[in-house]
N, C-alpha and C. Protein backbone atom coordinates (compact mmCIF):
# COMPACT_ATOMS: atom_id res chain seq x y z
N UNK A 1 -13.18 4.99 20.84
CA UNK A 1 -15.01 4.30 20.49
C UNK A 1 -15.31 5.03 22.03
N UNK A 2 -16.06 6.10 22.06
CA UNK A 2 -16.64 6.75 23.70
C UNK A 2 -16.84 5.43 24.58
N UNK A 3 -17.24 5.88 25.69
CA UNK A 3 -17.42 4.84 26.75
C UNK A 3 -18.97 5.66 27.38
N UNK A 4 -19.44 5.03 27.34
CA UNK A 4 -21.04 5.56 28.48
C UNK A 4 -21.27 5.34 29.64
N UNK A 5 -21.06 6.18 30.76
CA UNK A 5 -21.32 5.30 32.03
C UNK A 5 -22.53 6.25 31.57
N UNK A 6 -23.98 5.28 31.92
CA UNK A 6 -24.83 5.95 32.21
C UNK A 6 -26.01 6.17 33.59
N UNK A 7 -26.14 7.20 33.92
CA UNK A 7 -26.34 7.82 35.31
C UNK A 7 -27.63 8.26 35.16
N UNK A 8 -28.91 8.50 36.11
CA UNK A 8 -29.60 9.08 35.97
C UNK A 8 -29.56 10.63 37.39
N UNK A 9 -29.77 11.93 37.30
CA UNK A 9 -29.82 12.48 37.99
C UNK A 9 -31.21 13.24 38.78
N UNK A 10 -31.49 13.39 39.65
CA UNK A 10 -33.25 14.32 39.96
C UNK A 10 -32.84 14.89 40.82
N UNK A 11 -33.53 16.40 41.02
CA UNK A 11 -33.77 17.37 41.91
C UNK A 11 -34.97 18.10 41.88
N UNK A 12 -35.40 18.16 42.76
CA UNK A 12 -36.84 18.77 42.53
C UNK A 12 -36.16 20.74 42.86
N UNK A 13 -36.78 21.28 42.30
CA UNK A 13 -36.45 22.88 42.22
C UNK A 13 -36.77 23.57 43.32
N UNK A 14 -36.89 23.23 44.42
CA UNK A 14 -37.01 23.95 45.48
C UNK A 14 -36.53 23.17 46.83
N UNK A 15 -35.59 23.71 47.35
CA UNK A 15 -34.96 23.41 49.24
C UNK A 15 -34.41 21.75 49.14
N UNK A 16 -33.54 21.26 49.90
CA UNK A 16 -32.79 20.65 50.02
C UNK A 16 -33.34 19.31 49.91
N UNK A 17 -32.53 17.84 50.14
CA UNK A 17 -32.87 16.86 49.80
C UNK A 17 -32.03 15.81 51.23
N UNK A 18 -31.80 14.57 49.82
CA UNK A 18 -31.15 13.15 50.85
C UNK A 18 -30.11 12.91 49.31
N UNK A 19 -29.43 12.31 50.12
CA UNK A 19 -28.51 11.56 49.34
C UNK A 19 -27.54 9.78 49.88
N UNK A 20 -27.54 9.09 49.21
CA UNK A 20 -27.54 8.09 50.18
C UNK A 20 -25.87 8.33 50.12
N UNK A 21 -25.01 7.22 50.97
CA UNK A 21 -23.86 7.46 51.18
C UNK A 21 -23.03 7.18 50.64
N UNK A 22 -21.74 8.66 50.47
CA UNK A 22 -21.00 9.23 50.17
C UNK A 22 -20.17 6.98 49.88
N UNK A 23 -19.85 6.49 50.53
CA UNK A 23 -18.98 5.19 50.46
C UNK A 23 -19.59 4.10 49.27
N UNK A 24 -21.38 4.19 50.06
CA UNK A 24 -22.19 3.43 49.15
C UNK A 24 -21.91 3.41 47.55
N UNK A 25 -21.88 5.07 47.27
CA UNK A 25 -22.06 5.27 45.62
C UNK A 25 -20.49 5.03 45.10
N UNK A 26 -19.67 5.34 45.78
CA UNK A 26 -18.20 5.19 45.41
C UNK A 26 -18.00 3.38 44.53
N UNK A 27 -18.54 2.23 45.58
CA UNK A 27 -18.60 1.47 45.37
C UNK A 27 -19.81 0.81 43.91
N UNK A 28 -20.90 1.48 43.96
CA UNK A 28 -21.36 1.14 43.04
C UNK A 28 -20.55 1.71 41.67
N UNK A 29 -20.48 2.71 41.50
CA UNK A 29 -20.00 2.90 40.33
C UNK A 29 -18.34 2.88 40.43
N UNK A 30 -17.54 1.54 41.13
CA UNK A 30 -16.88 0.98 41.10
C UNK A 30 -17.13 -0.55 40.36
N UNK A 31 -18.34 -1.30 40.14
CA UNK A 31 -18.94 -2.17 40.57
C UNK A 31 -18.65 -2.03 39.17
N UNK A 32 -19.90 -0.89 38.91
CA UNK A 32 -20.19 -0.30 36.77
C UNK A 32 -19.48 -0.56 36.16
N UNK A 33 -17.42 -0.05 36.52
CA UNK A 33 -16.77 -0.09 36.05
C UNK A 33 -16.61 -0.96 35.68
N UNK A 34 -16.17 -1.69 36.39
CA UNK A 34 -15.34 -3.33 36.29
C UNK A 34 -16.02 -3.65 35.50
N UNK A 35 -17.72 -3.74 35.18
CA UNK A 35 -18.06 -4.88 34.07
C UNK A 35 -18.20 -5.02 33.33
N UNK A 36 -18.08 -3.28 33.48
CA UNK A 36 -18.03 -2.75 31.56
C UNK A 36 -16.80 -2.86 30.84
N UNK A 37 -15.84 -2.71 32.00
CA UNK A 37 -14.12 -2.82 31.39
C UNK A 37 -14.09 -4.53 31.69
N UNK A 38 -14.65 -5.11 32.25
CA UNK A 38 -14.56 -6.81 31.88
C UNK A 38 -14.62 -6.56 30.62
N UNK A 39 -16.42 -6.75 30.37
CA UNK A 39 -16.96 -6.70 29.25
C UNK A 39 -16.35 -6.32 27.92
N UNK A 40 -15.62 -5.41 28.14
CA UNK A 40 -14.38 -4.35 26.63
C UNK A 40 -13.22 -5.88 26.73
N UNK A 41 -12.85 -6.17 27.63
CA UNK A 41 -11.87 -6.67 27.52
C UNK A 41 -11.59 -8.53 26.89
N UNK A 42 -13.10 -9.02 27.38
CA UNK A 42 -13.69 -10.05 26.86
C UNK A 42 -13.98 -10.60 25.23
N UNK A 43 -14.01 -9.25 25.32
CA UNK A 43 -14.29 -8.85 23.45
C UNK A 43 -13.41 -8.93 22.60
N UNK A 44 -12.54 -8.64 23.10
CA UNK A 44 -11.38 -9.45 22.35
C UNK A 44 -10.33 -10.66 22.60
N UNK A 45 -11.25 -11.25 23.27
CA UNK A 45 -11.02 -12.77 23.49
C UNK A 45 -10.04 -13.10 23.74
N UNK A 46 -9.10 -12.21 25.01
CA UNK A 46 -8.28 -12.55 26.06
C UNK A 46 -8.12 -12.18 27.18
N UNK A 47 -8.24 -13.30 27.96
CA UNK A 47 -8.45 -13.29 29.55
C UNK A 47 -7.61 -12.73 30.11
N UNK A 48 -6.15 -12.13 29.89
CA UNK A 48 -5.94 -11.38 30.00
C UNK A 48 -6.22 -9.83 30.19
N UNK A 49 -6.69 -9.51 29.17
CA UNK A 49 -7.57 -8.50 28.67
C UNK A 49 -8.92 -8.35 29.66
N UNK A 50 -9.97 -8.82 29.87
CA UNK A 50 -10.85 -8.60 30.43
C UNK A 50 -10.51 -8.30 32.07
N UNK A 51 -9.25 -9.31 32.46
CA UNK A 51 -8.99 -9.09 33.99
C UNK A 51 -8.48 -7.49 34.04
N UNK A 52 -7.86 -6.79 32.83
CA UNK A 52 -6.88 -5.45 32.80
C UNK A 52 -8.34 -4.92 32.71
N UNK A 53 -9.18 -5.08 32.03
CA UNK A 53 -10.55 -4.25 31.66
C UNK A 53 -11.43 -3.80 32.78
N UNK A 54 -11.55 -5.32 33.35
CA UNK A 54 -11.90 -5.10 35.07
C UNK A 54 -11.41 -3.98 35.80
N UNK A 55 -10.62 -3.95 36.34
CA UNK A 55 -9.17 -2.74 36.84
C UNK A 55 -9.32 -1.90 36.11
N UNK A 56 -9.27 -1.43 34.98
CA UNK A 56 -9.22 -0.29 34.27
C UNK A 56 -10.43 0.38 34.15
N UNK A 57 -11.77 -0.33 34.19
CA UNK A 57 -13.34 0.33 34.55
C UNK A 57 -13.40 0.61 35.73
N UNK A 58 -13.18 -0.32 36.06
CA UNK A 58 -13.57 -0.01 38.14
C UNK A 58 -12.89 1.15 38.44
N UNK A 59 -11.95 1.67 38.11
CA UNK A 59 -11.19 2.75 38.38
C UNK A 59 -11.78 3.97 37.82
N UNK A 60 -11.84 3.45 36.51
CA UNK A 60 -12.87 4.66 36.17
C UNK A 60 -14.43 4.88 36.64
N UNK A 61 -15.16 3.93 36.64
CA UNK A 61 -16.11 4.14 37.83
C UNK A 61 -16.28 4.20 38.82
N UNK A 62 -14.74 4.07 39.39
CA UNK A 62 -14.91 4.85 40.84
C UNK A 62 -14.81 6.54 40.82
N UNK A 63 -14.00 7.14 39.90
CA UNK A 63 -13.55 8.43 39.92
C UNK A 63 -15.04 8.61 39.18
N UNK A 64 -15.47 8.55 38.02
CA UNK A 64 -17.07 9.09 37.71
C UNK A 64 -17.97 9.29 38.88
N UNK A 65 -18.26 7.77 39.38
CA UNK A 65 -19.14 8.28 40.81
C UNK A 65 -18.77 8.69 41.96
N UNK A 66 -17.55 9.33 42.33
CA UNK A 66 -16.95 10.14 43.37
C UNK A 66 -17.67 11.60 42.92
N UNK A 67 -17.38 11.78 41.38
CA UNK A 67 -18.00 13.21 40.84
C UNK A 67 -19.04 13.79 41.03
N UNK A 68 -20.06 12.48 40.49
CA UNK A 68 -21.18 11.89 40.86
C UNK A 68 -21.76 12.66 42.40
N UNK A 69 -21.14 12.02 43.24
CA UNK A 69 -21.07 12.27 44.63
C UNK A 69 -21.14 13.75 44.77
N UNK A 70 -19.92 13.85 44.11
CA UNK A 70 -19.84 15.76 44.68
C UNK A 70 -20.82 16.60 43.91
N UNK A 71 -21.03 16.36 42.94
CA UNK A 71 -21.79 17.43 42.42
C UNK A 71 -23.13 17.14 42.69
N UNK A 72 -24.10 15.83 43.04
CA UNK A 72 -25.06 15.73 44.59
C UNK A 72 -24.93 16.54 45.80
N UNK A 73 -24.33 16.97 45.75
CA UNK A 73 -23.55 17.54 47.33
C UNK A 73 -23.92 18.84 46.99
N UNK A 74 -23.78 19.50 45.72
CA UNK A 74 -23.45 20.93 45.47
C UNK A 74 -24.48 21.30 45.24
N UNK A 75 -25.80 20.14 44.14
CA UNK A 75 -26.96 20.39 44.18
C UNK A 75 -28.12 20.33 44.89
N UNK A 76 -27.97 20.15 46.83
CA UNK A 76 -28.95 19.87 47.56
C UNK A 76 -28.75 21.30 48.02
N UNK A 77 -27.65 22.62 47.58
CA UNK A 77 -28.21 23.71 48.32
C UNK A 77 -28.90 23.95 47.16
N UNK A 78 -29.50 23.87 46.41
CA UNK A 78 -30.80 24.37 45.38
C UNK A 78 -31.68 23.38 45.48
N UNK A 79 -31.25 21.95 45.66
CA UNK A 79 -32.41 21.04 45.21
C UNK A 79 -32.34 19.92 45.93
N UNK A 80 -33.86 19.34 45.87
CA UNK A 80 -33.66 18.03 46.42
C UNK A 80 -33.03 16.94 45.48
N UNK A 81 -31.88 15.92 45.81
CA UNK A 81 -31.60 14.98 45.20
C UNK A 81 -31.13 13.81 45.51
N UNK A 82 -31.60 12.83 44.62
CA UNK A 82 -31.76 11.17 45.21
C UNK A 82 -30.87 10.66 44.62
N UNK A 83 -30.03 10.05 45.46
CA UNK A 83 -29.32 8.77 44.52
C UNK A 83 -29.91 8.03 43.93
N UNK A 84 -29.98 7.16 43.57
CA UNK A 84 -30.42 5.60 43.30
C UNK A 84 -29.39 4.38 42.85
N UNK A 85 -29.58 3.10 42.07
CA UNK A 85 -28.76 2.18 41.89
C UNK A 85 -28.06 2.66 40.19
N UNK A 86 -28.86 3.55 39.80
CA UNK A 86 -28.26 3.97 38.81
C UNK A 86 -27.33 5.44 38.44
N UNK A 87 -27.64 6.05 39.68
CA UNK A 87 -27.26 7.61 39.63
C UNK A 87 -27.92 8.18 40.80
N UNK A 88 -27.89 9.26 39.90
CA UNK A 88 -29.07 10.38 40.30
C UNK A 88 -30.72 10.75 39.86
N UNK A 89 -31.18 10.96 40.42
CA UNK A 89 -32.57 11.61 39.77
C UNK A 89 -33.28 12.23 40.21
N UNK A 90 -33.41 13.54 39.15
CA UNK A 90 -34.28 14.91 39.56
C UNK A 90 -35.77 14.84 38.78
N UNK A 91 -36.25 15.54 39.91
CA UNK A 91 -37.62 16.34 39.52
C UNK A 91 -38.04 17.45 39.36
N UNK A 92 -38.63 17.98 38.50
CA UNK A 92 -38.51 19.54 39.13
C UNK A 92 -40.19 19.45 38.55
N UNK A 93 -40.47 20.49 39.79
CA UNK A 93 -42.08 20.23 39.60
C UNK A 93 -42.96 21.53 38.84
N UNK A 94 -44.03 20.79 38.13
CA UNK A 94 -44.19 21.99 37.17
C UNK A 94 -45.35 22.92 38.05
N UNK A 95 -45.47 23.39 39.21
CA UNK A 95 -46.03 24.33 39.22
C UNK A 95 -45.39 25.45 40.08
N UNK A 96 -43.86 25.47 40.06
CA UNK A 96 -42.82 25.64 40.43
C UNK A 96 -42.22 26.34 39.64
N UNK A 97 -42.62 26.32 38.49
CA UNK A 97 -41.87 26.43 37.23
C UNK A 97 -42.95 27.00 36.66
N UNK A 98 -44.09 26.62 35.98
CA UNK A 98 -45.12 27.03 35.19
C UNK A 98 -46.06 27.56 35.77
N UNK A 99 -47.05 28.79 35.42
CA UNK A 99 -48.55 28.82 35.41
C UNK A 99 -49.09 27.50 35.33
N UNK A 100 -50.65 27.43 35.43
CA UNK A 100 -51.22 26.49 34.79
C UNK A 100 -51.36 26.39 33.18
N UNK A 101 -51.08 25.35 32.65
CA UNK A 101 -51.38 25.29 30.97
C UNK A 101 -50.00 25.73 30.06
N UNK A 102 -49.07 26.73 30.88
CA UNK A 102 -48.37 27.75 30.26
C UNK A 102 -46.30 26.84 30.28
N UNK A 103 -46.25 27.35 29.01
CA UNK A 103 -44.66 27.27 28.91
C UNK A 103 -43.96 27.96 29.37
N UNK A 104 -44.20 29.28 30.07
CA UNK A 104 -42.85 30.28 30.66
C UNK A 104 -42.89 30.10 31.64
N UNK A 105 -41.11 29.80 31.84
CA UNK A 105 -40.81 30.24 33.27
C UNK A 105 -40.86 31.02 34.25
N UNK A 106 -41.75 30.67 35.45
CA UNK A 106 -41.61 31.67 36.57
C UNK A 106 -40.29 32.47 36.56
N UNK A 107 -40.33 33.70 36.61
CA UNK A 107 -38.74 34.47 37.41
C UNK A 107 -38.00 33.10 37.89
N UNK A 108 -38.91 32.74 39.35
CA UNK A 108 -37.74 31.70 40.51
C UNK A 108 -37.46 30.73 39.72
N UNK A 109 -37.92 30.43 39.23
CA UNK A 109 -37.85 29.00 38.17
C UNK A 109 -36.41 29.89 36.92
N UNK A 110 -36.25 30.63 36.66
CA UNK A 110 -35.15 30.97 36.12
C UNK A 110 -34.09 31.15 36.73
N UNK A 111 -33.90 31.48 38.57
CA UNK A 111 -33.47 31.64 39.28
C UNK A 111 -32.82 29.95 39.15
N UNK A 112 -33.51 29.17 39.70
CA UNK A 112 -32.89 27.96 39.85
C UNK A 112 -32.49 27.44 39.07
N UNK A 113 -32.89 27.55 37.78
CA UNK A 113 -32.11 26.83 36.47
C UNK A 113 -31.07 27.48 36.15
N UNK A 114 -31.02 28.67 36.72
CA UNK A 114 -29.23 29.09 36.53
C UNK A 114 -28.54 28.99 37.56
N UNK A 115 -28.85 28.92 38.76
CA UNK A 115 -27.86 27.80 39.71
C UNK A 115 -27.27 26.39 39.56
N UNK A 116 -28.43 25.55 38.95
CA UNK A 116 -28.00 24.64 38.45
C UNK A 116 -27.28 24.14 37.55
N UNK A 117 -27.90 25.63 36.75
CA UNK A 117 -26.83 25.55 35.08
C UNK A 117 -25.07 25.50 35.45
N UNK A 118 -24.81 26.68 36.22
CA UNK A 118 -23.29 26.99 37.28
C UNK A 118 -22.90 25.53 37.63
N UNK A 119 -23.33 24.65 38.23
CA UNK A 119 -23.31 23.24 39.04
C UNK A 119 -22.86 22.37 37.84
N UNK A 120 -23.35 22.46 37.18
CA UNK A 120 -23.63 21.20 36.15
C UNK A 120 -22.01 21.75 34.85
N UNK A 121 -22.28 22.84 34.63
CA UNK A 121 -21.07 23.05 34.39
C UNK A 121 -19.50 22.78 34.46
N UNK A 122 -19.31 22.75 35.51
CA UNK A 122 -18.01 22.41 36.20
C UNK A 122 -17.94 20.84 36.01
N UNK A 123 -18.85 20.16 35.05
CA UNK A 123 -18.51 18.19 34.98
C UNK A 123 -19.42 18.08 33.46
N UNK A 124 -18.11 18.48 32.84
CA UNK A 124 -18.26 18.53 31.34
C UNK A 124 -18.68 17.30 30.73
N UNK A 125 -18.58 16.20 31.36
CA UNK A 125 -19.37 15.09 31.49
C UNK A 125 -20.31 14.32 31.48
N UNK A 126 -21.40 15.23 31.41
CA UNK A 126 -22.46 15.37 31.92
C UNK A 126 -23.60 15.32 30.43
N UNK A 127 -24.31 14.88 30.09
CA UNK A 127 -25.24 14.86 28.75
C UNK A 127 -26.92 14.80 29.48
N UNK A 128 -27.69 15.07 29.09
CA UNK A 128 -28.80 15.58 29.76
C UNK A 128 -29.57 15.46 28.28
N UNK A 129 -30.77 14.57 29.12
CA UNK A 129 -32.02 14.29 28.25
C UNK A 129 -33.67 14.89 29.13
N UNK A 130 -34.25 15.85 29.33
CA UNK A 130 -35.12 16.25 29.41
C UNK A 130 -36.57 16.23 28.94
N UNK A 131 -37.05 15.38 30.28
CA UNK A 131 -38.54 15.07 29.91
C UNK A 131 -39.95 15.74 30.72
N UNK A 132 -40.66 16.28 29.71
CA UNK A 132 -41.90 16.99 30.53
C UNK A 132 -43.02 15.79 30.51
N UNK A 133 -44.04 16.24 31.28
CA UNK A 133 -45.22 15.26 32.00
C UNK A 133 -45.68 16.21 32.39
N UNK A 134 -47.49 15.50 31.70
CA UNK A 134 -48.43 16.32 32.53
C UNK A 134 -49.58 15.41 33.48
N UNK A 135 -50.52 15.66 33.82
CA UNK A 135 -51.36 14.64 34.40
C UNK A 135 -52.42 14.13 32.82
N UNK A 136 -53.29 13.55 33.60
CA UNK A 136 -54.17 13.26 32.34
C UNK A 136 -55.80 13.82 31.83
N UNK A 137 -55.22 14.69 32.53
CA UNK A 137 -56.56 15.82 31.89
C UNK A 137 -56.22 16.73 30.92
N UNK A 138 -57.76 16.28 29.88
CA UNK A 138 -57.66 16.43 28.27
C UNK A 138 -57.08 15.74 27.83
N UNK A 139 -56.34 16.00 26.37
CA UNK A 139 -56.12 14.93 25.29
C UNK A 139 -55.03 14.94 25.11
N UNK A 140 -54.11 13.50 24.68
CA UNK A 140 -53.10 13.49 25.12
C UNK A 140 -52.36 14.46 24.17
N UNK A 141 -52.95 14.34 22.28
CA UNK A 141 -51.95 15.55 21.74
C UNK A 141 -51.98 16.28 22.33
N UNK A 142 -52.87 17.66 22.94
CA UNK A 142 -52.38 18.44 24.32
C UNK A 142 -51.44 18.43 24.98
N UNK A 143 -52.00 17.76 25.45
CA UNK A 143 -50.59 16.90 26.18
C UNK A 143 -49.39 16.68 26.22
N UNK A 144 -49.32 16.19 25.54
CA UNK A 144 -47.65 15.47 25.04
C UNK A 144 -47.30 17.10 23.58
N UNK A 145 -47.96 18.48 23.62
CA UNK A 145 -47.11 19.01 22.92
C UNK A 145 -46.84 20.21 24.22
N UNK A 146 -47.72 20.65 24.76
CA UNK A 146 -47.46 21.35 26.40
C UNK A 146 -45.94 20.61 27.22
N UNK A 147 -45.94 19.39 26.92
CA UNK A 147 -44.56 19.02 28.02
C UNK A 147 -43.88 18.79 26.91
N UNK A 148 -43.95 18.85 25.79
CA UNK A 148 -42.74 19.07 24.74
C UNK A 148 -41.84 20.75 24.95
N UNK A 149 -43.27 21.80 25.20
CA UNK A 149 -43.09 22.97 25.39
C UNK A 149 -41.97 23.34 26.24
N UNK A 150 -42.89 22.82 27.52
CA UNK A 150 -42.08 22.72 29.01
C UNK A 150 -40.93 22.18 29.43
N UNK A 151 -40.35 21.19 28.47
CA UNK A 151 -39.22 21.09 28.72
C UNK A 151 -37.89 21.86 27.89
N UNK A 152 -38.41 22.02 26.56
CA UNK A 152 -37.43 23.12 25.82
C UNK A 152 -37.52 24.03 26.28
N UNK A 153 -38.53 24.84 27.39
CA UNK A 153 -38.18 25.52 27.84
C UNK A 153 -37.24 25.68 29.30
N UNK A 154 -37.31 24.19 30.23
CA UNK A 154 -36.13 24.29 30.96
C UNK A 154 -34.72 24.50 30.20
N UNK A 155 -34.84 23.67 28.78
CA UNK A 155 -33.04 23.41 28.00
C UNK A 155 -32.65 24.62 27.58
N UNK A 156 -34.14 25.37 27.37
CA UNK A 156 -33.80 27.14 27.12
C UNK A 156 -32.56 27.64 27.68
N UNK A 157 -33.16 27.46 28.80
CA UNK A 157 -32.83 28.73 30.21
C UNK A 157 -31.44 27.79 30.63
N UNK A 158 -31.41 26.43 30.31
CA UNK A 158 -29.92 25.83 31.09
C UNK A 158 -29.18 26.64 29.98
N UNK A 159 -29.10 26.40 28.70
CA UNK A 159 -28.58 27.02 26.98
C UNK A 159 -27.85 27.96 27.87
N UNK A 160 -29.04 29.47 27.89
CA UNK A 160 -28.55 30.39 28.35
C UNK A 160 -27.70 30.99 29.47
N UNK A 161 -27.64 30.25 30.36
CA UNK A 161 -26.85 30.54 31.66
C UNK A 161 -25.29 29.39 31.35
N UNK A 162 -25.60 29.10 29.86
CA UNK A 162 -23.71 28.46 29.98
C UNK A 162 -23.51 27.09 29.19
N UNK A 163 -24.84 26.53 29.29
CA UNK A 163 -24.70 24.37 29.25
C UNK A 163 -24.66 24.83 27.44
N UNK A 164 -24.24 23.81 26.88
CA UNK A 164 -23.92 23.62 25.70
C UNK A 164 -25.41 22.84 24.83
N UNK A 165 -25.52 23.55 24.02
CA UNK A 165 -27.08 23.20 23.72
C UNK A 165 -26.56 21.81 22.98
N UNK A 166 -25.34 21.18 22.79
CA UNK A 166 -25.33 20.12 21.74
C UNK A 166 -25.34 18.60 22.90
N UNK A 167 -25.00 18.85 24.46
CA UNK A 167 -25.43 17.92 25.02
C UNK A 167 -27.16 17.68 25.77
N UNK A 168 -27.74 18.71 25.38
CA UNK A 168 -29.23 18.61 25.78
C UNK A 168 -30.13 17.79 25.32
N UNK A 169 -30.89 16.88 25.19
CA UNK A 169 -32.25 16.48 24.34
C UNK A 169 -33.85 16.71 25.08
N UNK A 170 -34.68 16.52 24.45
CA UNK A 170 -35.84 17.35 24.71
C UNK A 170 -36.69 16.77 24.82
N UNK A 171 -37.72 15.69 25.52
CA UNK A 171 -39.16 14.78 25.19
C UNK A 171 -40.04 15.13 25.86
N UNK A 172 -41.64 15.55 25.17
CA UNK A 172 -42.52 15.74 25.64
C UNK A 172 -43.00 14.17 25.81
N UNK A 173 -43.54 14.14 27.20
CA UNK A 173 -44.05 12.46 27.31
C UNK A 173 -45.20 12.64 27.53
N UNK A 174 -46.03 13.60 27.79
CA UNK A 174 -47.99 14.37 27.73
C UNK A 174 -47.39 12.98 29.56
N UNK A 175 -48.94 12.69 29.42
CA UNK A 175 -49.64 11.77 30.72
C UNK A 175 -49.09 10.40 31.06
N UNK A 176 -47.71 10.13 29.81
CA UNK A 176 -46.49 8.65 30.19
C UNK A 176 -46.13 8.65 31.49
N UNK A 177 -46.16 7.49 31.91
CA UNK A 177 -45.25 7.14 32.93
C UNK A 177 -45.83 7.97 34.79
N UNK A 178 -46.87 7.97 34.52
CA UNK A 178 -47.60 8.75 36.13
C UNK A 178 -46.91 7.75 37.42
N UNK A 179 -46.34 8.68 38.05
CA UNK A 179 -46.06 8.77 39.12
C UNK A 179 -47.03 8.46 40.54
N UNK A 180 -47.98 9.10 40.08
CA UNK A 180 -49.00 9.35 41.25
C UNK A 180 -50.76 8.85 40.43
N UNK A 181 -51.34 8.93 41.37
CA UNK A 181 -53.11 8.11 41.26
C UNK A 181 -53.54 9.95 40.62
N UNK A 182 -54.12 9.70 39.60
CA UNK A 182 -54.00 11.10 38.49
C UNK A 182 -55.74 10.93 38.91
N UNK A 183 -56.26 10.47 39.47
CA UNK A 183 -58.30 10.24 40.42
C UNK A 183 -58.25 11.25 41.47
N UNK A 184 -56.58 11.72 42.20
CA UNK A 184 -56.98 12.55 42.71
C UNK A 184 -56.27 14.11 42.64
N UNK A 185 -56.56 14.99 43.34
CA UNK A 185 -55.75 16.07 43.31
C UNK A 185 -54.42 16.25 43.40
N UNK A 186 -54.11 15.99 44.59
CA UNK A 186 -52.92 15.53 44.55
C UNK A 186 -51.84 15.21 44.21
N UNK A 187 -52.38 13.82 43.50
CA UNK A 187 -51.94 12.89 42.51
C UNK A 187 -51.85 13.76 40.99
N UNK A 188 -52.13 13.90 40.96
CA UNK A 188 -51.84 15.00 39.42
C UNK A 188 -51.22 16.14 39.42
N UNK A 189 -51.34 16.73 40.42
CA UNK A 189 -50.21 17.68 40.91
C UNK A 189 -49.02 17.34 41.01
N UNK A 190 -48.48 16.12 41.44
CA UNK A 190 -47.67 15.31 41.24
C UNK A 190 -46.87 15.07 39.93
N UNK A 191 -47.98 14.12 38.97
CA UNK A 191 -47.80 13.63 37.86
C UNK A 191 -46.90 15.34 36.77
N UNK A 192 -47.72 16.23 37.22
CA UNK A 192 -47.42 17.63 36.53
C UNK A 192 -45.91 17.56 36.88
N UNK A 193 -44.64 17.62 36.02
CA UNK A 193 -43.15 18.16 36.40
C UNK A 193 -42.39 17.94 35.35
N UNK A 194 -41.20 17.88 35.15
CA UNK A 194 -40.55 17.77 34.69
C UNK A 194 -38.97 17.28 34.80
N UNK A 195 -38.61 16.43 33.91
CA UNK A 195 -37.62 15.49 35.16
C UNK A 195 -36.34 16.00 33.96
N UNK A 196 -35.16 15.77 34.63
CA UNK A 196 -33.88 15.97 33.82
C UNK A 196 -33.17 14.54 34.57
N UNK A 197 -32.68 13.51 33.31
CA UNK A 197 -31.74 12.48 33.30
C UNK A 197 -30.07 13.33 32.51
N UNK A 198 -29.74 12.81 33.82
CA UNK A 198 -27.85 12.71 32.60
C UNK A 198 -27.21 11.58 33.10
N UNK A 199 -26.85 11.55 32.13
CA UNK A 199 -25.91 10.39 31.61
C UNK A 199 -24.02 11.00 31.04
N UNK A 200 -23.24 10.23 31.72
CA UNK A 200 -22.22 10.22 31.56
C UNK A 200 -21.32 9.69 30.86
N UNK A 201 -20.59 10.97 29.43
CA UNK A 201 -19.69 10.00 29.08
C UNK A 201 -18.75 10.25 29.44
N UNK A 202 -18.12 9.22 29.87
CA UNK A 202 -16.44 8.71 30.13
C UNK A 202 -15.39 9.11 29.69
N UNK A 203 -16.27 9.79 28.07
CA UNK A 203 -14.70 10.19 27.09
C UNK A 203 -14.81 11.23 27.36
N UNK A 204 -15.27 12.22 28.38
CA UNK A 204 -15.13 13.66 28.97
C UNK A 204 -14.83 13.91 30.21
N UNK A 205 -14.76 12.73 30.79
CA UNK A 205 -13.92 12.84 32.34
C UNK A 205 -12.94 13.77 31.88
N UNK A 206 -12.47 14.61 33.06
CA UNK A 206 -11.04 15.14 33.01
C UNK A 206 -10.55 14.50 33.87
N UNK A 207 -9.20 14.12 33.42
CA UNK A 207 -8.22 13.98 34.28
C UNK A 207 -8.25 13.69 35.94
N UNK A 208 -7.89 12.74 36.42
CA UNK A 208 -7.73 12.58 38.02
C UNK A 208 -6.24 13.61 38.66
N UNK A 209 -6.57 14.18 38.51
CA UNK A 209 -5.54 14.68 39.47
C UNK A 209 -4.90 14.40 41.06
């Protein structure tokens, strides 16, 4: 059975950012892994199994968390990366990616996505969900279609750069889940974005060296 450790990763496709402390993130990974491992052990109805499962899960969680920390540091060279309680979160600003109302990637956006792909390819446990968002200007149907095309354009570029298509899903969210006030120009600008969420498939984690 595949074990999934869900983590989000976000990076705004333009220059540097911040990440929380490596030790704190490793601790979070250990805690998440311990809970997951303990639950697996408990399901077989053996107290000893739960204890062993928690230990193994903690080790796996710490290892996965450490790899996420390393990936975040590498991404900081090209993107602003923020660590959260769940992992890492990434926002790609649409005005950097696309012209207004279009879904064709700008040349610099392609370069940035290629660099991101080169980093992510070193982490075969990554599973990506690409979500496109718009502001609330215009009809929902038009915005949802545009956001889906933009999410697909980001996926296509990552695949062209060597990432496996099978681990990337795309979703057009339209004006849903705004992160700023749509009544202002600046707010609408922030809401027009593409976000990449990455989950980690523990079954694909390379062995520790």
